[in-house]
């Protein structure tokens, strides 16, 4: 295939709503010595993308940024010094292109796609080779596009300083992208999983994926007490905390002594967290913030995905020209798993 000279891409000139996206045409330059040119096949959406479009994202944002962070595609062209990668290779790029291994830093934090730097909702994208990860062979481009943020965040939460293991009990809040991946990873490792949701229909999907205990927090608002009942008062070893301040105090009640609460979202809004410090201290529990993960973690995660033949849960796929509709569907919270935009037609 000839190297393209023009790419269509979605920019955000004025954050202020889900309809703020503007489709532009811009030139494509040749890759630098250590870059590859990628034909983007699919892009998955995150809650972060909704915040960015609405102007609510608290971190740095590039002016007129190309949106979105998670893509899967194939290499069309390579720079002169590129080794180990070939035209036609199927790849993802890491969420933060400079986060190669270890803890996140100021430098790597500001290399996150679709925020401080241009993102991936474009037909063609130049990326440095050090940020690339190969796609598991059994996944489609649409499925693979869900890995860089949602899957890797779940993996980082469960396989941190004290990794999840068989026999552990894991509490997962919700049935969005990160939560569903966490459910799949925990089940693959032999853990017992408890899932909370406001929807019985979504809970049944979680059950089909291996969740043992289901709690509807609308009908059981004191869900933390139900977690304690289900665990004979012990609590859970790991919690995937997506609510933030609105649910954190309940999570502290539900966690086991010495357990881990991984904070990966703030979707529940504000709440009273005054009891959290004493609760964490008295339970000798661990409260850990998660910002996706590194290239090294991405590679380790893909080995697990391949070994277990795990398949991401893709709720719905939208065409590239209907990107705004994809954002609106994500915002409706009707989905289970991931919402994807198919960029390439072939």
C-alpha atoms as a PDB file:
ATOM      1  CA  UNK A   1       0.000   0.000   0.000  1.00  0.00           C
ATOM      2  CA  UNK A   2       1.255   3.464  -0.894  1.00  0.00           C
ATOM      3  CA  UNK A   3       2.108   5.825   1.945  1.00  0.00           C
ATOM      4  CA  UNK A   4      -0.840   8.248   2.367  1.00  0.00           C
ATOM      5  CA  UNK A   5      -0.335  11.990   2.238  1.00  0.00           C
ATOM      6  CA  UNK A   6      -3.586  13.037   3.982  1.00  0.00           C
ATOM      7  CA  UNK A   7      -5.308  11.812   7.137  1.00  0.00           C
ATOM      8  CA  UNK A   8      -8.765  12.566   8.459  1.00  0.00           C
ATOM      9  CA  UNK A   9      -8.766  13.082  12.220  1.00  0.00           C
ATOM     10  CA  UNK A  10     -11.037  14.333  14.981  1.00  0.00           C
ATOM     11  CA  UNK A  11      -9.850  17.472  16.801  1.00  0.00           C
ATOM     12  CA  UNK A  12     -11.252  19.264  19.834  1.00  0.00           C
ATOM     13  CA  UNK A  13     -10.821  23.008  19.210  1.00  0.00           C
ATOM     14  CA  UNK A  14     -13.218  24.116  21.965  1.00  0.00           C
ATOM     15  CA  UNK A  15     -14.048  21.636  24.745  1.00  0.00           C
ATOM     16  CA  UNK A  16     -17.604  22.070  25.886  1.00  0.00           C
ATOM     17  CA  UNK A  17     -19.685  19.028  25.010  1.00  0.00           C
ATOM     18  CA  UNK A  18     -19.856  15.696  23.249  1.00  0.00           C
ATOM     19  CA  UNK A  19     -20.622  17.410  19.925  1.00  0.00           C
ATOM     20  CA  UNK A  20     -17.473  19.559  20.108  1.00  0.00           C
ATOM     21  CA  UNK A  21     -15.461  17.244  17.854  1.00  0.00           C
ATOM     22  CA  UNK A  22     -14.387  18.620  14.476  1.00  0.00           C
ATOM     23  CA  UNK A  23     -13.290  16.347  11.623  1.00  0.00           C
ATOM     24  CA  UNK A  24     -10.253  17.807   9.849  1.00  0.00           C
ATOM     25  CA  UNK A  25      -7.933  16.773   7.022  1.00  0.00           C
ATOM     26  CA  UNK A  26      -4.213  17.199   7.650  1.00  0.00           C
ATOM     27  CA  UNK A  27      -1.006  16.176   5.870  1.00  0.00           C
ATOM     28  CA  UNK A  28       0.873  13.018   6.840  1.00  0.00           C
ATOM     29  CA  UNK A  29       4.661  13.311   7.070  1.00  0.00           C
ATOM     30  CA  UNK A  30       7.110  10.477   6.623  1.00  0.00           C
ATOM     31  CA  UNK A  31       8.226   8.676   9.798  1.00  0.00           C
ATOM     32  CA  UNK A  32      11.378   9.845  11.554  1.00  0.00           C
ATOM     33  CA  UNK A  33      14.255   7.391  12.033  1.00  0.00           C
ATOM     34  CA  UNK A  34      12.728   5.692  15.108  1.00  0.00           C
ATOM     35  CA  UNK A  35       9.046   6.049  14.230  1.00  0.00           C
ATOM     36  CA  UNK A  36       6.491   3.961  12.388  1.00  0.00           C
ATOM     37  CA  UNK A  37       3.464   5.108  10.430  1.00  0.00           C
ATOM     38  CA  UNK A  38       0.373   3.204  11.522  1.00  0.00           C
ATOM     39  CA  UNK A  39      -2.883   2.685   9.663  1.00  0.00           C
ATOM     40  CA  UNK A  40      -5.412   2.934  12.496  1.00  0.00           C
ATOM     41  CA  UNK A  41      -8.081   0.250  12.232  1.00  0.00           C
ATOM     42  CA  UNK A  42      -9.998   0.761  15.474  1.00  0.00           C
ATOM     43  CA  UNK A  43     -10.171   3.092  18.483  1.00  0.00           C
ATOM     44  CA  UNK A  44     -11.901   2.411  21.812  1.00  0.00           C
ATOM     45  CA  UNK A  45     -13.426   5.083  24.033  1.00  0.00           C
ATOM     46  CA  UNK A  46     -12.838   5.796  27.731  1.00  0.00           C
ATOM     47  CA  UNK A  47     -14.670   7.796  30.416  1.00  0.00           C
ATOM     48  CA  UNK A  48     -11.650  10.114  30.183  1.00  0.00           C
ATOM     49  CA  UNK A  49     -12.699  11.012  26.624  1.00  0.00           C
ATOM     50  CA  UNK A  50     -16.066  12.261  27.881  1.00  0.00           C
ATOM     51  CA  UNK A  51     -14.366  14.454  30.494  1.00  0.00           C
ATOM     52  CA  UNK A  52     -11.991  15.903  27.903  1.00  0.00           C
ATOM     53  CA  UNK A  53     -14.789  16.768  25.471  1.00  0.00           C
ATOM     54  CA  UNK A  54     -16.759  18.497  28.206  1.00  0.00           C
ATOM     55  CA  UNK A  55     -13.781  20.527  29.382  1.00  0.00           C
ATOM     56  CA  UNK A  56     -13.766  18.738  32.748  1.00  0.00           C
ATOM     57  CA  UNK A  57     -10.444  16.934  32.438  1.00  0.00           C
ATOM     58  CA  UNK A  58      -8.206  18.123  35.299  1.00  0.00           C
ATOM     59  CA  UNK A  59      -4.883  17.408  33.567  1.00  0.00           C
ATOM     60  CA  UNK A  60      -2.971  19.256  30.848  1.00  0.00           C
ATOM     61  CA  UNK A  61      -4.657  19.330  27.443  1.00  0.00           C
ATOM     62  CA  UNK A  62      -3.001  20.229  24.136  1.00  0.00           C
ATOM     63  CA  UNK A  63      -4.722  22.979  22.197  1.00  0.00           C
ATOM     64  CA  UNK A  64      -6.969  21.608  19.428  1.00  0.00           C
ATOM     65  CA  UNK A  65      -5.909  18.104  20.436  1.00  0.00           C
ATOM     66  CA  UNK A  66      -6.552  15.009  18.327  1.00  0.00           C
ATOM     67  CA  UNK A  67      -8.719  12.995  20.709  1.00  0.00           C
ATOM     68  CA  UNK A  68      -8.620   9.448  22.130  1.00  0.00           C
ATOM     69  CA  UNK A  69      -5.808   7.305  23.477  1.00  0.00           C
ATOM     70  CA  UNK A  70      -6.472   3.670  22.554  1.00  0.00           C
ATOM     71  CA  UNK A  71      -5.970   2.243  19.107  1.00  0.00           C
ATOM     72  CA  UNK A  72      -5.069  -0.885  17.176  1.00  0.00           C
ATOM     73  CA  UNK A  73      -3.630  -0.813  13.691  1.00  0.00           C
ATOM     74  CA  UNK A  74      -1.025  -2.046  11.253  1.00  0.00           C
ATOM     75  CA  UNK A  75       2.367  -0.643  10.325  1.00  0.00           C
ATOM     76  CA  UNK A  76       2.457   1.007   6.884  1.00  0.00           C
ATOM     77  CA  UNK A  77       5.917   2.592   6.962  1.00  0.00           C
ATOM     78  CA  UNK A  78       9.042   2.483   9.106  1.00  0.00           C
ATOM     79  CA  UNK A  79      11.868   4.906   9.842  1.00  0.00           C
ATOM     80  CA  UNK A  80      15.434   4.255   8.693  1.00  0.00           C
ATOM     81  CA  UNK A  81      16.690   3.057  12.090  1.00  0.00           C
ATOM     82  CA  UNK A  82      13.735   0.879  13.061  1.00  0.00           C
ATOM     83  CA  UNK A  83      14.635  -2.683  14.055  1.00  0.00           C
ATOM     84  CA  UNK A  84      12.349  -5.543  15.001  1.00  0.00           C
ATOM     85  CA  UNK A  85       9.229  -4.132  13.368  1.00  0.00           C
ATOM     86  CA  UNK A  86       7.990  -4.674   9.821  1.00  0.00           C
ATOM     87  CA  UNK A  87       5.362  -3.324   7.473  1.00  0.00           C
ATOM     88  CA  UNK A  88       2.148  -5.250   8.108  1.00  0.00           C
ATOM     89  CA  UNK A  89       2.771  -5.906  11.806  1.00  0.00           C
ATOM     90  CA  UNK A  90      -0.402  -5.585  13.918  1.00  0.00           C
ATOM     91  CA  UNK A  91       0.211  -3.280  16.871  1.00  0.00           C
ATOM     92  CA  UNK A  92      -1.156  -1.183  19.706  1.00  0.00           C
ATOM     93  CA  UNK A  93       0.572   1.859  21.158  1.00  0.00           C
ATOM     94  CA  UNK A  94       0.876   2.313  24.899  1.00  0.00           C
ATOM     95  CA  UNK A  95      -1.446   4.884  26.518  1.00  0.00           C
ATOM     96  CA  UNK A  96       1.567   6.969  27.656  1.00  0.00           C
ATOM     97  CA  UNK A  97       4.122   6.578  24.893  1.00  0.00           C
ATOM     98  CA  UNK A  98       7.130   7.278  27.160  1.00  0.00           C
ATOM     99  CA  UNK A  99       6.070   4.957  29.996  1.00  0.00           C
ATOM    100  CA  UNK A 100       8.293   1.992  29.211  1.00  0.00           C
ATOM    101  CA  UNK A 101       8.678   0.369  32.645  1.00  0.00           C
ATOM    102  CA  UNK A 102       8.567   1.077  36.373  1.00  0.00           C
ATOM    103  CA  UNK A 103       6.593   3.816  38.073  1.00  0.00           C
ATOM    104  CA  UNK A 104       5.025   6.693  36.205  1.00  0.00           C
ATOM    105  CA  UNK A 105       6.921  10.010  36.279  1.00  0.00           C
ATOM    106  CA  UNK A 106       6.219  13.605  35.340  1.00  0.00           C
ATOM    107  CA  UNK A 107       7.723  12.954  31.907  1.00  0.00           C
ATOM    108  CA  UNK A 108       5.728   9.824  31.235  1.00  0.00           C
ATOM    109  CA  UNK A 109       2.537  11.315  32.701  1.00  0.00           C
ATOM    110  CA  UNK A 110       2.719  14.085  30.116  1.00  0.00           C
ATOM    111  CA  UNK A 111       3.133  11.632  27.232  1.00  0.00           C
ATOM    112  CA  UNK A 112      -0.449  10.347  27.420  1.00  0.00           C
ATOM    113  CA  UNK A 113      -2.162  10.213  24.049  1.00  0.00           C
ATOM    114  CA  UNK A 114      -5.267  12.330  23.500  1.00  0.00           C
ATOM    115  CA  UNK A 115      -4.460  14.774  26.310  1.00  0.00           C
ATOM    116  CA  UNK A 116      -1.079  16.492  26.625  1.00  0.00           C
ATOM    117  CA  UNK A 117      -0.217  15.193  23.127  1.00  0.00           C
ATOM    118  CA  UNK A 118      -2.295  14.380  20.054  1.00  0.00           C
ATOM    119  CA  UNK A 119      -4.278  11.161  20.215  1.00  0.00           C
ATOM    120  CA  UNK A 120      -5.338   8.397  17.883  1.00  0.00           C
ATOM    121  CA  UNK A 121      -8.809   9.127  16.462  1.00  0.00           C
ATOM    122  CA  UNK A 122      -7.197   9.539  13.062  1.00  0.00           C
ATOM    123  CA  UNK A 123      -6.802   7.391   9.974  1.00  0.00           C
ATOM    124  CA  UNK A 124      -2.983   7.405  10.144  1.00  0.00           C
ATOM    125  CA  UNK A 125      -0.751   7.924  13.165  1.00  0.00           C
ATOM    126  CA  UNK A 126       3.018   8.300  13.659  1.00  0.00           C
ATOM    127  CA  UNK A 127       4.286   6.673  16.860  1.00  0.00           C
ATOM    128  CA  UNK A 128       7.747   5.899  18.293  1.00  0.00           C
ATOM    129  CA  UNK A 129       8.717   2.238  18.156  1.00  0.00           C
ATOM    130  CA  UNK A 130       9.459   2.061  21.890  1.00  0.00           C
ATOM    131  CA  UNK A 131       5.733   2.512  22.603  1.00  0.00           C
ATOM    132  CA  UNK A 132       4.594  -0.396  20.422  1.00  0.00           C
ATOM    133  CA  UNK A 133       3.149  -3.708  21.597  1.00  0.00           C
ATOM    134  CA  UNK A 134       2.142  -6.608  19.354  1.00  0.00           C
ATOM    135  CA  UNK A 135      -1.530  -7.569  19.204  1.00  0.00           C
ATOM    136  CA  UNK A 136      -2.397 -11.108  20.402  1.00  0.00           C
ATOM    137  CA  UNK A 137      -2.995 -13.223  17.318  1.00  0.00           C
ATOM    138  CA  UNK A 138      -6.519 -14.314  18.265  1.00  0.00           C
ATOM    139  CA  UNK A 139      -7.873 -10.760  18.620  1.00  0.00           C
ATOM    140  CA  UNK A 140      -9.478  -8.575  15.961  1.00  0.00           C
ATOM    141  CA  UNK A 141      -8.448  -4.940  15.614  1.00  0.00           C
ATOM    142  CA  UNK A 142     -11.690  -3.892  17.324  1.00  0.00           C
ATOM    143  CA  UNK A 143     -10.983  -6.181  20.273  1.00  0.00           C
ATOM    144  CA  UNK A 144      -7.322  -5.173  20.477  1.00  0.00           C
ATOM    145  CA  UNK A 145      -8.188  -1.457  20.550  1.00  0.00           C
ATOM    146  CA  UNK A 146      -9.644  -1.998  24.031  1.00  0.00           C
ATOM    147  CA  UNK A 147      -6.325  -3.122  25.540  1.00  0.00           C
ATOM    148  CA  UNK A 148      -4.161   0.027  26.001  1.00  0.00           C
ATOM    149  CA  UNK A 149      -6.217   1.725  28.717  1.00  0.00           C
ATOM    150  CA  UNK A 150      -9.068  -0.418  30.055  1.00  0.00           C
ATOM    151  CA  UNK A 151      -7.298  -3.773  30.022  1.00  0.00           C
ATOM    152  CA  UNK A 152      -3.928  -2.440  31.158  1.00  0.00           C
ATOM    153  CA  UNK A 153      -5.490  -0.432  33.991  1.00  0.00           C
ATOM    154  CA  UNK A 154      -7.239  -3.563  35.262  1.00  0.00           C
ATOM    155  CA  UNK A 155      -4.033  -5.574  34.921  1.00  0.00           C
ATOM    156  CA  UNK A 156      -1.988  -2.947  36.766  1.00  0.00           C
ATOM    157  CA  UNK A 157      -4.521  -2.916  39.598  1.00  0.00           C
ATOM    158  CA  UNK A 158      -4.612  -6.680  40.083  1.00  0.00           C
ATOM    159  CA  UNK A 159      -0.967  -7.499  39.371  1.00  0.00           C
ATOM    160  CA  UNK A 160       0.771  -4.815  41.416  1.00  0.00           C
ATOM    161  CA  UNK A 161       2.970  -5.264  44.510  1.00  0.00           C
ATOM    162  CA  UNK A 162       0.828  -8.192  45.742  1.00  0.00           C
ATOM    163  CA  UNK A 163      -0.699  -9.865  42.662  1.00  0.00           C
ATOM    164  CA  UNK A 164      -4.100 -11.514  42.730  1.00  0.00           C
ATOM    165  CA  UNK A 165      -3.923 -15.293  43.117  1.00  0.00           C
ATOM    166  CA  UNK A 166      -6.152 -18.309  43.220  1.00  0.00           C
ATOM    167  CA  UNK A 167      -8.323 -18.305  46.333  1.00  0.00           C
ATOM    168  CA  UNK A 168      -8.392 -14.523  46.696  1.00  0.00           C
ATOM    169  CA  UNK A 169     -11.684 -12.626  46.745  1.00  0.00           C
ATOM    170  CA  UNK A 170     -11.978  -9.619  44.451  1.00  0.00           C
ATOM    171  CA  UNK A 171     -14.670  -6.914  44.581  1.00  0.00           C
ATOM    172  CA  UNK A 172     -15.288  -5.142  41.279  1.00  0.00           C
ATOM    173  CA  UNK A 173     -17.440  -2.058  41.015  1.00  0.00           C
ATOM    174  CA  UNK A 174     -19.505  -1.756  37.854  1.00  0.00           C
ATOM    175  CA  UNK A 175     -19.442  -3.355  34.425  1.00  0.00           C
ATOM    176  CA  UNK A 176     -17.594  -0.779  32.344  1.00  0.00           C
ATOM    177  CA  UNK A 177     -14.422  -1.452  30.381  1.00  0.00           C
ATOM    178  CA  UNK A 178     -11.895  -1.644  33.228  1.00  0.00           C
ATOM    179  CA  UNK A 179     -14.292  -3.545  35.472  1.00  0.00           C
ATOM    180  CA  UNK A 180     -15.051  -6.245  32.890  1.00  0.00           C
ATOM    181  CA  UNK A 181     -11.349  -6.772  32.179  1.00  0.00           C
ATOM    182  CA  UNK A 182     -10.671  -7.001  35.920  1.00  0.00           C
ATOM    183  CA  UNK A 183     -13.399  -9.632  36.181  1.00  0.00           C
ATOM    184  CA  UNK A 184     -11.876 -11.658  33.356  1.00  0.00           C
ATOM    185  CA  UNK A 185      -8.324 -11.442  34.751  1.00  0.00           C
ATOM    186  CA  UNK A 186      -9.410 -12.330  38.293  1.00  0.00           C
ATOM    187  CA  UNK A 187     -11.428 -15.339  37.143  1.00  0.00           C
ATOM    188  CA  UNK A 188      -8.522 -16.488  34.952  1.00  0.00           C
ATOM    189  CA  UNK A 189      -6.333 -16.530  38.076  1.00  0.00           C
ATOM    190  CA  UNK A 190      -8.792 -18.561  40.127  1.00  0.00           C
ATOM    191  CA  UNK A 191     -10.126 -15.761  42.325  1.00  0.00           C
ATOM    192  CA  UNK A 192     -13.683 -15.476  43.627  1.00  0.00           C
ATOM    193  CA  UNK A 193     -15.280 -12.344  42.197  1.00  0.00           C
ATOM    194  CA  UNK A 194     -18.037 -10.118  43.594  1.00  0.00           C
ATOM    195  CA  UNK A 195     -19.519  -7.543  41.187  1.00  0.00           C
ATOM    196  CA  UNK A 196     -21.702  -4.536  41.995  1.00  0.00           C
ATOM    197  CA  UNK A 197     -23.951  -2.757  39.498  1.00  0.00           C
ATOM    198  CA  UNK A 198     -27.214  -0.830  39.346  1.00  0.00           C
ATOM    199  CA  UNK A 199     -28.512  -3.129  36.595  1.00  0.00           C
ATOM    200  CA  UNK A 200     -29.607  -6.746  37.002  1.00  0.00           C
ATOM    201  CA  UNK A 201     -29.173  -7.228  33.253  1.00  0.00           C
ATOM    202  CA  UNK A 202     -25.527  -6.143  33.465  1.00  0.00           C
ATOM    203  CA  UNK A 203     -25.015  -8.326  36.517  1.00  0.00           C
ATOM    204  CA  UNK A 204     -26.176 -11.340  34.535  1.00  0.00           C
ATOM    205  CA  UNK A 205     -23.483 -10.593  31.937  1.00  0.00           C
ATOM    206  CA  UNK A 206     -20.951 -10.487  34.781  1.00  0.00           C
ATOM    207  CA  UNK A 207     -22.242 -13.852  35.969  1.00  0.00           C
ATOM    208  CA  UNK A 208     -21.757 -15.338  32.517  1.00  0.00           C
ATOM    209  CA  UNK A 209     -18.149 -14.125  32.626  1.00  0.00           C
ATOM    210  CA  UNK A 210     -17.515 -15.907  35.909  1.00  0.00           C
ATOM    211  CA  UNK A 211     -18.595 -13.604  38.747  1.00  0.00           C
ATOM    212  CA  UNK A 212     -19.763 -15.721  41.711  1.00  0.00           C
ATOM    213  CA  UNK A 213     -21.618 -13.064  43.723  1.00  0.00           C
ATOM    214  CA  UNK A 214     -23.766 -10.248  42.317  1.00  0.00           C
ATOM    215  CA  UNK A 215     -24.931  -7.149  44.214  1.00  0.00           C
ATOM    216  CA  UNK A 216     -27.356  -4.568  42.845  1.00  0.00           C
ATOM    217  CA  UNK A 217     -26.407  -1.444  44.780  1.00  0.00           C
ATOM    218  CA  UNK A 218     -29.757   0.191  44.026  1.00  0.00           C
ATOM    219  CA  UNK A 219     -31.666  -2.517  45.891  1.00  0.00           C
ATOM    220  CA  UNK A 220     -28.789  -3.127  48.331  1.00  0.00           C
ATOM    221  CA  UNK A 221     -27.426   0.361  49.092  1.00  0.00           C
ATOM    222  CA  UNK A 222     -25.364  -0.964  52.022  1.00  0.00           C
ATOM    223  CA  UNK A 223     -23.455  -3.198  49.624  1.00  0.00           C
ATOM    224  CA  UNK A 224     -20.325  -3.094  51.782  1.00  0.00           C
ATOM    225  CA  UNK A 225     -22.216  -4.956  54.516  1.00  0.00           C
ATOM    226  CA  UNK A 226     -23.346  -7.535  51.973  1.00  0.00           C
ATOM    227  CA  UNK A 227     -19.707  -8.008  50.933  1.00  0.00           C
ATOM    228  CA  UNK A 228     -18.795  -8.687  54.558  1.00  0.00           C
ATOM    229  CA  UNK A 229     -21.675 -11.151  54.857  1.00  0.00           C
ATOM    230  CA  UNK A 230     -20.582 -12.999  51.701  1.00  0.00           C
ATOM    231  CA  UNK A 231     -17.026 -13.269  53.033  1.00  0.00           C
ATOM    232  CA  UNK A 232     -18.016 -14.318  56.572  1.00  0.00           C
ATOM    233  CA  UNK A 233     -16.854 -10.942  57.902  1.00  0.00           C
ATOM    234  CA  UNK A 234     -13.348 -11.207  56.433  1.00  0.00           C
ATOM    235  CA  UNK A 235     -13.672  -8.727  53.579  1.00  0.00           C
ATOM    236  CA  UNK A 236     -12.012  -8.897  50.163  1.00  0.00           C
ATOM    237  CA  UNK A 237      -8.366  -9.028  49.137  1.00  0.00           C
ATOM    238  CA  UNK A 238      -8.610  -6.642  46.170  1.00  0.00           C
ATOM    239  CA  UNK A 239     -11.101  -3.915  45.274  1.00  0.00           C
ATOM    240  CA  UNK A 240     -11.371  -2.266  41.857  1.00  0.00           C
ATOM    241  CA  UNK A 241     -12.527   1.170  43.032  1.00  0.00           C
ATOM    242  CA  UNK A 242     -14.086   3.055  40.114  1.00  0.00           C
ATOM    243  CA  UNK A 243     -16.400   5.336  42.096  1.00  0.00           C
ATOM    244  CA  UNK A 244     -13.829   7.479  43.877  1.00  0.00           C
ATOM    245  CA  UNK A 245     -14.928   9.664  46.762  1.00  0.00           C
ATOM    246  CA  UNK A 246     -18.555   8.596  46.408  1.00  0.00           C
ATOM    247  CA  UNK A 247     -17.797   4.936  47.211  1.00  0.00           C
ATOM    248  CA  UNK A 248     -14.366   4.953  48.868  1.00  0.00           C
ATOM    249  CA  UNK A 249     -15.566   4.823  52.489  1.00  0.00           C
ATOM    250  CA  UNK A 250     -17.696   1.777  51.675  1.00  0.00           C
ATOM    251  CA  UNK A 251     -14.704   0.111  50.034  1.00  0.00           C
ATOM    252  CA  UNK A 252     -12.630   0.635  53.176  1.00  0.00           C
ATOM    253  CA  UNK A 253     -15.355  -1.158  55.136  1.00  0.00           C
ATOM    254  CA  UNK A 254     -15.405  -4.019  52.605  1.00  0.00           C
ATOM    255  CA  UNK A 255     -11.641  -4.565  52.290  1.00  0.00           C
ATOM    256  CA  UNK A 256      -9.891  -7.285  54.288  1.00  0.00           C
ATOM    257  CA  UNK A 257      -7.120  -6.573  56.778  1.00  0.00           C
ATOM    258  CA  UNK A 258      -3.990  -6.026  54.679  1.00  0.00           C
ATOM    259  CA  UNK A 259      -6.078  -5.864  51.502  1.00  0.00           C
ATOM    260  CA  UNK A 260      -5.685  -3.605  48.476  1.00  0.00           C
ATOM    261  CA  UNK A 261      -7.981  -0.871  47.157  1.00  0.00           C
ATOM    262  CA  UNK A 262      -6.976   0.221  43.643  1.00  0.00           C
ATOM    263  CA  UNK A 263      -8.466   3.613  42.767  1.00  0.00           C
ATOM    264  CA  UNK A 264      -8.952   3.817  39.015  1.00  0.00           C
ATOM    265  CA  UNK A 265     -11.905   6.188  38.602  1.00  0.00           C
ATOM    266  CA  UNK A 266     -14.159   8.862  40.079  1.00  0.00           C
ATOM    267  CA  UNK A 267     -17.486   8.093  38.402  1.00  0.00           C
ATOM    268  CA  UNK A 268     -19.570   8.181  41.623  1.00  0.00           C
ATOM    269  CA  UNK A 269     -18.912  11.873  42.219  1.00  0.00           C
ATOM    270  CA  UNK A 270     -18.200  13.531  45.596  1.00  0.00           C
ATOM    271  CA  UNK A 271     -18.613  11.875  48.963  1.00  0.00           C
ATOM    272  CA  UNK A 272     -17.565  11.944  52.613  1.00  0.00           C
ATOM    273  CA  UNK A 273     -14.071  10.448  52.899  1.00  0.00           C
ATOM    274  CA  UNK A 274     -13.336  11.664  56.431  1.00  0.00           C
ATOM    275  CA  UNK A 275     -13.382   8.089  57.778  1.00  0.00           C
ATOM    276  CA  UNK A 276     -10.971   6.759  55.145  1.00  0.00           C
ATOM    277  CA  UNK A 277      -7.575   7.536  56.786  1.00  0.00           C
ATOM    278  CA  UNK A 278      -8.492   5.867  60.076  1.00  0.00           C
ATOM    279  CA  UNK A 279     -10.117   2.964  58.258  1.00  0.00           C
ATOM    280  CA  UNK A 280      -7.045   2.330  56.100  1.00  0.00           C
ATOM    281  CA  UNK A 281      -4.747   2.596  59.113  1.00  0.00           C
ATOM    282  CA  UNK A 282      -6.776   0.342  61.391  1.00  0.00           C
ATOM    283  CA  UNK A 283      -7.063  -2.349  58.730  1.00  0.00           C
ATOM    284  CA  UNK A 284      -3.418  -2.001  57.627  1.00  0.00           C
ATOM    285  CA  UNK A 285      -4.940  -1.806  54.135  1.00  0.00           C
ATOM    286  CA  UNK A 286      -3.310  -0.379  51.020  1.00  0.00           C
ATOM    287  CA  UNK A 287      -4.850   2.471  48.999  1.00  0.00           C
ATOM    288  CA  UNK A 288      -3.193   2.617  45.587  1.00  0.00           C
ATOM    289  CA  UNK A 289      -3.789   5.005  42.684  1.00  0.00           C
ATOM    290  CA  UNK A 290      -3.627   3.516  39.186  1.00  0.00           C
ATOM    291  CA  UNK A 291      -2.762   5.433  36.002  1.00  0.00           C
ATOM    292  CA  UNK A 292      -2.873   2.716  33.304  1.00  0.00           C
ATOM    293  CA  UNK A 293       0.548   1.012  32.971  1.00  0.00           C
ATOM    294  CA  UNK A 294       3.835   0.644  31.142  1.00  0.00           C
ATOM    295  CA  UNK A 295       4.922  -1.026  27.909  1.00  0.00           C
ATOM    296  CA  UNK A 296       6.529  -3.809  29.966  1.00  0.00           C
ATOM    297  CA  UNK A 297       3.256  -4.421  31.814  1.00  0.00           C
ATOM    298  CA  UNK A 298       1.360  -4.341  28.507  1.00  0.00           C
ATOM    299  CA  UNK A 299       3.594  -7.107  27.146  1.00  0.00           C
ATOM    300  CA  UNK A 300       3.135  -9.188  30.313  1.00  0.00           C
ATOM    301  CA  UNK A 301      -0.624  -8.696  30.144  1.00  0.00           C
ATOM    302  CA  UNK A 302      -0.757  -9.850  26.537  1.00  0.00           C
ATOM    303  CA  UNK A 303       0.971 -13.084  27.522  1.00  0.00           C
ATOM    304  CA  UNK A 304      -1.834 -13.736  30.014  1.00  0.00           C
ATOM    305  CA  UNK A 305      -4.471 -12.864  27.408  1.00  0.00           C
ATOM    306  CA  UNK A 306      -2.892 -15.258  24.908  1.00  0.00           C
ATOM    307  CA  UNK A 307      -2.368 -18.065  27.431  1.00  0.00           C
ATOM    308  CA  UNK A 308      -6.016 -17.929  28.532  1.00  0.00           C
ATOM    309  CA  UNK A 309      -7.425 -17.029  25.075  1.00  0.00           C
ATOM    310  CA  UNK A 310      -9.276 -14.131  26.698  1.00  0.00           C
ATOM    311  CA  UNK A 311     -11.567 -12.088  24.456  1.00  0.00           C
ATOM    312  CA  UNK A 312     -12.415  -8.475  25.297  1.00  0.00           C
ATOM    313  CA  UNK A 313     -16.118  -7.697  25.666  1.00  0.00           C
ATOM    314  CA  UNK A 314     -17.020  -5.215  22.923  1.00  0.00           C
ATOM    315  CA  UNK A 315     -20.540  -3.886  23.413  1.00  0.00           C
ATOM    316  CA  UNK A 316     -20.920  -1.923  20.169  1.00  0.00           C
ATOM    317  CA  UNK A 317     -18.853  -0.744  17.188  1.00  0.00           C
ATOM    318  CA  UNK A 318     -19.517   2.581  15.421  1.00  0.00           C
ATOM    319  CA  UNK A 319     -18.155   3.707  12.022  1.00  0.00           C
ATOM    320  CA  UNK A 320     -15.551   6.493  11.925  1.00  0.00           C
ATOM    321  CA  UNK A 321     -18.027   9.037  10.572  1.00  0.00           C
ATOM    322  CA  UNK A 322     -20.320   8.422  13.573  1.00  0.00           C
ATOM    323  CA  UNK A 323     -17.759   9.196  16.279  1.00  0.00           C
ATOM    324  CA  UNK A 324     -20.089  11.640  18.060  1.00  0.00           C
ATOM    325  CA  UNK A 325     -22.775   8.949  18.252  1.00  0.00           C
ATOM    326  CA  UNK A 326     -20.199   6.617  19.812  1.00  0.00           C
ATOM    327  CA  UNK A 327     -19.426   9.226  22.481  1.00  0.00           C
ATOM    328  CA  UNK A 328     -23.134   9.686  23.182  1.00  0.00           C
ATOM    329  CA  UNK A 329     -23.658   5.937  23.519  1.00  0.00           C
ATOM    330  CA  UNK A 330     -20.774   5.675  25.977  1.00  0.00           C
ATOM    331  CA  UNK A 331     -22.269   8.563  27.938  1.00  0.00           C
ATOM    332  CA  UNK A 332     -25.658   6.794  28.108  1.00  0.00           C
ATOM    333  CA  UNK A 333     -24.049   4.056  30.264  1.00  0.00           C
ATOM    334  CA  UNK A 334     -26.059   1.399  28.457  1.00  0.00           C
ATOM    335  CA  UNK A 335     -22.918  -0.528  27.557  1.00  0.00           C
ATOM    336  CA  UNK A 336     -21.245  -3.525  29.153  1.00  0.00           C
ATOM    337  CA  UNK A 337     -17.563  -3.646  28.313  1.00  0.00           C
ATOM    338  CA  UNK A 338     -16.193  -1.394  25.590  1.00  0.00           C
ATOM    339  CA  UNK A 339     -17.462   1.013  22.925  1.00  0.00           C
ATOM    340  CA  UNK A 340     -15.318   1.017  19.772  1.00  0.00           C
ATOM    341  CA  UNK A 341     -14.987   3.181  16.661  1.00  0.00           C
ATOM    342  CA  UNK A 342     -13.994   1.337  13.489  1.00  0.00           C
ATOM    343  CA  UNK A 343     -11.652   3.740  11.674  1.00  0.00           C
ATOM    344  CA  UNK A 344     -10.526   1.798   8.622  1.00  0.00           C
ATOM    345  CA  UNK A 345     -13.010   0.356   6.126  1.00  0.00           C
ATOM    346  CA  UNK A 346     -10.622  -2.432   5.086  1.00  0.00           C
END
